[in-house]
Amino acid sequence: MKRFAVIGLGRFGKKLAIALAMSGAEVIAIDKDRSEVELIRDQVSHAVRLDSTDEEALKAQGVEKVDVAIVGIGQGHGGGQGFESAILTVVNLKQMGIKQIYARAEDPIAGEVFTKVGTTEVIYPEIESAQRWAYKLIAPQIGEKIDFAPGYSLARIKAPASFDCKTVMDLQLRQKYNVNLVAIKRGEHSKTKKSEKSEKSGIINVPMPNTVVYVGDILMVAGSDADLAKLPQE
């Protein structure tokens, strides 16, 4: 189970923390405002009031052990104090050794600053919803996703190493994960045999039970968002 820290429980941070928790993740929700912490306490694994610019306070709550940290501190008020706090928080998280740090920015200039201090990726909530980000964080193996009904999607995933040199029948995607394989696009380094040369770097519109999948192939799969999120990452 992935562990997340969501720091800053404004509208975006609160929705993101709840969405991650509902997906089964362990979530530490953090804010300086006690009332915001109380509002979310029963909906996440752990909610705590603290100043995220205090590295020792973060460590006391075990934040250095999370897999992913999201800094959602509001930056549009307090004479720039919010932005400054967000930057210091990212620096603290980086020094604590957290490898995946995401930060909410209100404009591209703020985003550039976050990138320079070591943020993995910048989130612009005016463009991207908290729900979309929750799914992206829970299931990073899922690339582009097209929603065709509530809770159901056609998704693009890169075949992980565990799929390498296995046939469609061997993978049993429908039986194991309840998803359907729609098409395959061969990756650049597919180890296809000479008899399959015509398929190399091409599109297989109708994968057959004996079609071999190679690591790096692009698979188009359809199913519920919950089932797609269970597909292996490695």
Protein backbone atom coordinates (compact mmCIF):
# COMPACT_ATOMS: atom_id res chain seq x y z
CA MET A 1 0.00 0.00 0.00
CA LYS A 2 1.37 3.40 -0.98
CA ARG A 3 1.71 6.04 1.71
CA PHE A 4 0.93 9.69 0.95
CA ALA A 5 1.31 12.99 2.79
CA VAL A 6 -1.03 15.77 1.71
CA ILE A 7 0.14 19.10 3.12
CA GLY A 8 -2.31 21.99 2.94
CA LEU A 9 -6.01 21.15 3.29
CA GLY A 10 -7.65 23.82 1.20
CA ARG A 11 -10.28 22.83 -1.34
CA PHE A 12 -7.80 20.99 -3.58
CA GLY A 13 -5.78 19.32 -0.83
CA LYS A 14 -8.86 18.15 1.04
CA LYS A 15 -10.44 16.60 -2.07
CA LEU A 16 -7.17 14.95 -3.06
CA ALA A 17 -6.56 13.48 0.42
CA ILE A 18 -10.09 12.05 0.59
CA ALA A 19 -9.89 10.66 -2.96
CA LEU A 20 -6.57 8.93 -2.19
CA ALA A 21 -7.94 7.49 1.06
CA MET A 22 -11.07 6.22 -0.71
CA SER A 23 -8.78 4.41 -3.16
CA GLY A 24 -7.30 2.46 -0.25
CA ALA A 25 -4.10 4.45 0.29
CA GLU A 26 -2.62 5.41 3.65
CA VAL A 27 -2.86 9.20 3.91
CA ILE A 28 -1.36 11.68 6.39
CA ALA A 29 -3.27 14.97 6.07
CA ILE A 30 -1.49 18.08 7.38
CA ASP A 31 -2.51 21.70 7.85
CA LYS A 32 -1.74 24.63 10.20
CA ASP A 33 -5.46 25.26 10.69
CA ARG A 34 -6.94 23.05 13.41
CA SER A 35 -10.48 23.37 12.00
CA GLU A 36 -9.39 21.99 8.60
CA VAL A 37 -7.66 19.07 10.30
CA GLU A 38 -10.77 18.28 12.36
CA LEU A 39 -12.97 18.30 9.26
CA ILE A 40 -10.94 15.57 7.57
CA ARG A 41 -9.81 13.54 10.58
CA ASP A 42 -12.36 10.72 10.12
CA GLN A 43 -11.76 10.38 6.38
CA VAL A 44 -8.00 9.70 6.25
CA SER A 45 -5.51 7.47 8.07
CA HIS A 46 -4.06 10.31 10.13
CA ALA A 47 -4.69 14.05 10.30
CA VAL A 48 -2.43 16.42 12.20
CA ARG A 49 -2.03 20.14 12.80
CA LEU A 50 1.54 21.34 12.34
CA ASP A 51 3.76 23.87 10.58
CA SER A 52 5.20 22.09 7.55
CA THR A 53 8.13 24.51 7.40
CA ASP A 54 9.36 22.79 10.58
CA GLU A 55 11.31 19.73 9.41
CA GLU A 56 11.44 18.19 12.88
CA ALA A 57 7.68 18.46 13.25
CA LEU A 58 7.25 16.60 9.94
CA LYS A 59 9.65 13.87 11.04
CA ALA A 60 7.82 13.50 14.36
CA GLN A 61 4.73 12.48 12.40
CA GLY A 62 6.63 9.99 10.23
CA VAL A 63 6.34 12.04 7.05
CA GLU A 64 9.84 10.99 5.96
CA LYS A 65 8.47 7.45 5.53
CA VAL A 66 5.81 8.31 2.92
CA ASP A 67 6.22 7.31 -0.72
CA VAL A 68 4.70 10.48 -2.13
CA ALA A 69 4.17 13.99 -0.74
CA ILE A 70 1.80 16.57 -2.22
CA VAL A 71 2.14 20.20 -1.18
CA GLY A 72 -1.19 21.93 -1.68
CA ILE A 73 -0.62 25.05 0.43
CA GLY A 74 -2.60 28.03 -0.84
CA GLN A 75 -0.45 30.83 -2.25
CA GLY A 76 -2.95 33.57 -3.02
CA HIS A 77 -3.09 35.25 0.35
CA GLY A 78 -0.93 36.41 3.25
CA GLY A 79 1.32 38.66 1.20
CA GLY A 80 3.26 35.79 -0.33
CA GLN A 81 3.61 33.95 2.97
CA GLY A 82 1.70 30.95 1.62
CA PHE A 83 4.02 30.64 -1.37
CA GLU A 84 7.07 30.98 0.84
CA SER A 85 5.75 28.28 3.18
CA ALA A 86 5.09 25.98 0.22
CA ILE A 87 8.66 26.44 -1.08
CA LEU A 88 10.18 25.77 2.35
CA THR A 89 7.99 22.71 2.72
CA VAL A 90 9.22 21.29 -0.60
CA VAL A 91 12.82 21.93 0.48
CA ASN A 92 12.19 20.11 3.77
CA LEU A 93 10.64 17.14 2.02
CA LYS A 94 13.54 16.98 -0.41
CA GLN A 95 16.07 17.02 2.46
CA MET A 96 14.12 14.24 4.19
CA GLY A 97 14.72 12.01 1.17
CA ILE A 98 11.21 11.83 -0.24
CA LYS A 99 11.67 11.00 -3.91
CA GLN A 100 8.24 11.95 -5.26
CA ILE A 101 7.12 15.46 -4.36
CA TYR A 102 4.23 17.20 -6.11
CA ALA A 103 3.35 20.84 -5.55
CA ARG A 104 0.24 22.86 -6.31
CA ALA A 105 0.98 26.09 -8.17
CA GLU A 106 -1.39 28.89 -9.06
CA ASP A 107 0.51 30.07 -12.14
CA PRO A 108 3.41 29.01 -14.41
CA ILE A 109 5.90 31.33 -12.68
CA ALA A 110 5.26 29.66 -9.32
CA GLY A 111 5.50 26.32 -11.10
CA GLU A 112 8.98 27.17 -12.40
CA VAL A 113 10.14 27.97 -8.88
CA PHE A 114 8.81 24.67 -7.56
CA THR A 115 10.58 22.81 -10.35
CA LYS A 116 13.89 24.50 -9.55
CA VAL A 117 13.74 23.51 -5.86
CA GLY A 118 13.24 19.85 -6.76
CA THR A 119 9.53 19.18 -7.22
CA THR A 120 8.86 16.02 -9.23
CA GLU A 121 5.89 17.60 -11.00
CA VAL A 122 3.75 20.70 -10.63
CA ILE A 123 -0.02 20.53 -10.27
CA TYR A 124 -2.22 23.28 -11.68
CA PRO A 125 -5.63 22.64 -10.09
CA GLU A 126 -7.38 25.16 -12.33
CA ILE A 127 -6.61 22.79 -15.21
CA GLU A 128 -6.49 19.36 -13.64
CA SER A 129 -8.94 17.99 -11.09
CA ALA A 130 -7.98 16.47 -7.76
CA GLN A 131 -9.79 13.27 -8.78
CA ARG A 132 -7.63 12.90 -11.89
CA TRP A 133 -4.48 13.41 -9.85
CA ALA A 134 -5.59 10.93 -7.20
CA TYR A 135 -5.93 8.29 -9.94
CA LYS A 136 -2.59 9.26 -11.49
CA LEU A 137 -0.83 8.90 -8.14
CA ILE A 138 -2.54 5.63 -7.24
CA ALA A 139 -1.94 4.10 -10.70
CA PRO A 140 1.14 5.71 -12.29
CA GLN A 141 1.33 2.82 -14.78
CA ILE A 142 -1.78 4.17 -16.51
CA GLY A 143 -0.97 6.67 -19.23
CA GLU A 144 -3.65 8.43 -21.23
CA LYS A 145 -7.18 7.52 -20.19
CA ILE A 146 -10.46 8.07 -22.02
CA ASP A 147 -13.58 7.97 -19.88
CA PHE A 148 -16.48 6.44 -21.79
CA ALA A 149 -18.90 5.91 -18.88
CA PRO A 150 -18.87 6.87 -15.19
CA GLY A 151 -16.09 4.79 -13.60
CA TYR A 152 -15.11 3.03 -16.86
CA SER A 153 -12.26 3.92 -19.19
CA LEU A 154 -10.09 2.96 -22.14
CA ALA A 155 -6.50 3.32 -20.93
CA ARG A 156 -3.01 3.25 -22.39
CA ILE A 157 -0.37 1.36 -20.39
CA LYS A 158 3.22 0.39 -21.09
CA ALA A 159 3.76 -3.36 -20.70
CA PRO A 160 5.83 -3.91 -17.53
CA ALA A 161 8.77 -6.31 -17.24
CA SER A 162 6.50 -8.97 -15.69
CA PHE A 163 4.60 -9.16 -19.03
CA ASP A 164 7.73 -9.68 -21.15
CA CYS A 165 7.61 -12.63 -23.61
CA LYS A 166 4.23 -13.84 -22.33
CA THR A 167 1.29 -14.57 -24.57
CA VAL A 168 -2.09 -12.93 -24.18
CA MET A 169 -3.34 -16.29 -22.92
CA ASP A 170 -0.54 -16.45 -20.33
CA LEU A 171 -1.33 -12.96 -19.02
CA GLN A 172 -5.03 -13.74 -18.44
CA LEU A 173 -5.86 -10.06 -18.12
CA ARG A 174 -9.60 -10.66 -18.10
CA GLN A 175 -9.46 -13.47 -15.55
CA LYS A 176 -6.90 -11.86 -13.20
CA TYR A 177 -7.72 -8.15 -13.48
CA ASN A 178 -11.17 -8.05 -15.10
CA VAL A 179 -9.92 -5.85 -17.97
CA ASN A 180 -10.03 -6.42 -21.72
CA LEU A 181 -7.04 -6.06 -24.05
CA VAL A 182 -8.20 -4.06 -27.08
CA ALA A 183 -5.00 -3.48 -29.08
CA ILE A 184 -1.20 -3.59 -28.92
CA LYS A 185 1.32 -1.14 -30.33
CA ARG A 186 4.78 -2.64 -30.54
CA GLY A 187 7.49 -0.81 -28.59
CA GLU A 188 10.77 0.22 -30.22
CA HIS A 189 12.67 -2.66 -28.64
CA SER A 190 10.14 -5.47 -29.05
CA LYS A 191 12.00 -8.77 -29.42
CA THR A 192 9.76 -10.03 -32.19
CA LYS A 193 10.72 -13.07 -34.23
CA LYS A 194 11.22 -12.86 -37.97
CA SER A 195 7.79 -14.42 -38.47
CA GLU A 196 6.31 -11.50 -36.52
CA LYS A 197 8.42 -8.84 -38.22
CA SER A 198 5.41 -7.28 -39.89
CA GLU A 199 3.96 -6.57 -36.45
CA LYS A 200 7.12 -4.97 -35.06
CA SER A 201 6.56 -1.28 -34.27
CA GLY A 202 3.09 -1.70 -35.72
CA ILE A 203 -0.45 -2.00 -34.42
CA ILE A 204 -2.10 -5.32 -33.58
CA ASN A 205 -5.78 -4.48 -33.73
CA VAL A 206 -7.01 -7.92 -32.71
CA PRO A 207 -4.58 -9.57 -30.26
CA MET A 208 -4.95 -13.35 -30.39
CA PRO A 209 -4.42 -15.77 -27.47
CA ASN A 210 -0.98 -16.70 -28.86
CA THR A 211 0.12 -13.08 -29.49
CA VAL A 212 3.30 -12.41 -27.52
CA VAL A 213 3.63 -9.24 -25.43
CA TYR A 214 7.04 -7.63 -24.88
CA VAL A 215 8.20 -5.18 -22.23
CA GLY A 216 7.67 -1.64 -23.49
CA ASP A 217 4.75 -2.52 -25.77
CA ILE A 218 1.82 -0.12 -25.49
CA LEU A 219 -1.38 -1.90 -24.48
CA MET A 220 -4.84 -0.43 -24.89
CA VAL A 221 -7.05 -1.92 -22.19
CA ALA A 222 -10.64 -1.28 -21.16
CA GLY A 223 -12.34 -1.76 -17.82
CA SER A 224 -13.44 -0.06 -14.63
CA ASP A 225 -11.10 2.55 -13.16
CA ALA A 226 -10.76 0.43 -10.00
CA ASP A 227 -9.71 -2.66 -11.98
CA LEU A 228 -7.33 -0.70 -14.24
CA ALA A 229 -5.57 0.65 -11.15
CA LYS A 230 -4.77 -2.92 -10.07
CA LEU A 231 -2.68 -3.67 -13.17
CA PRO A 232 0.99 -4.32 -12.23
CA GLN A 233 3.53 -1.52 -12.44
CA GLU A 234 6.62 -3.73 -12.72
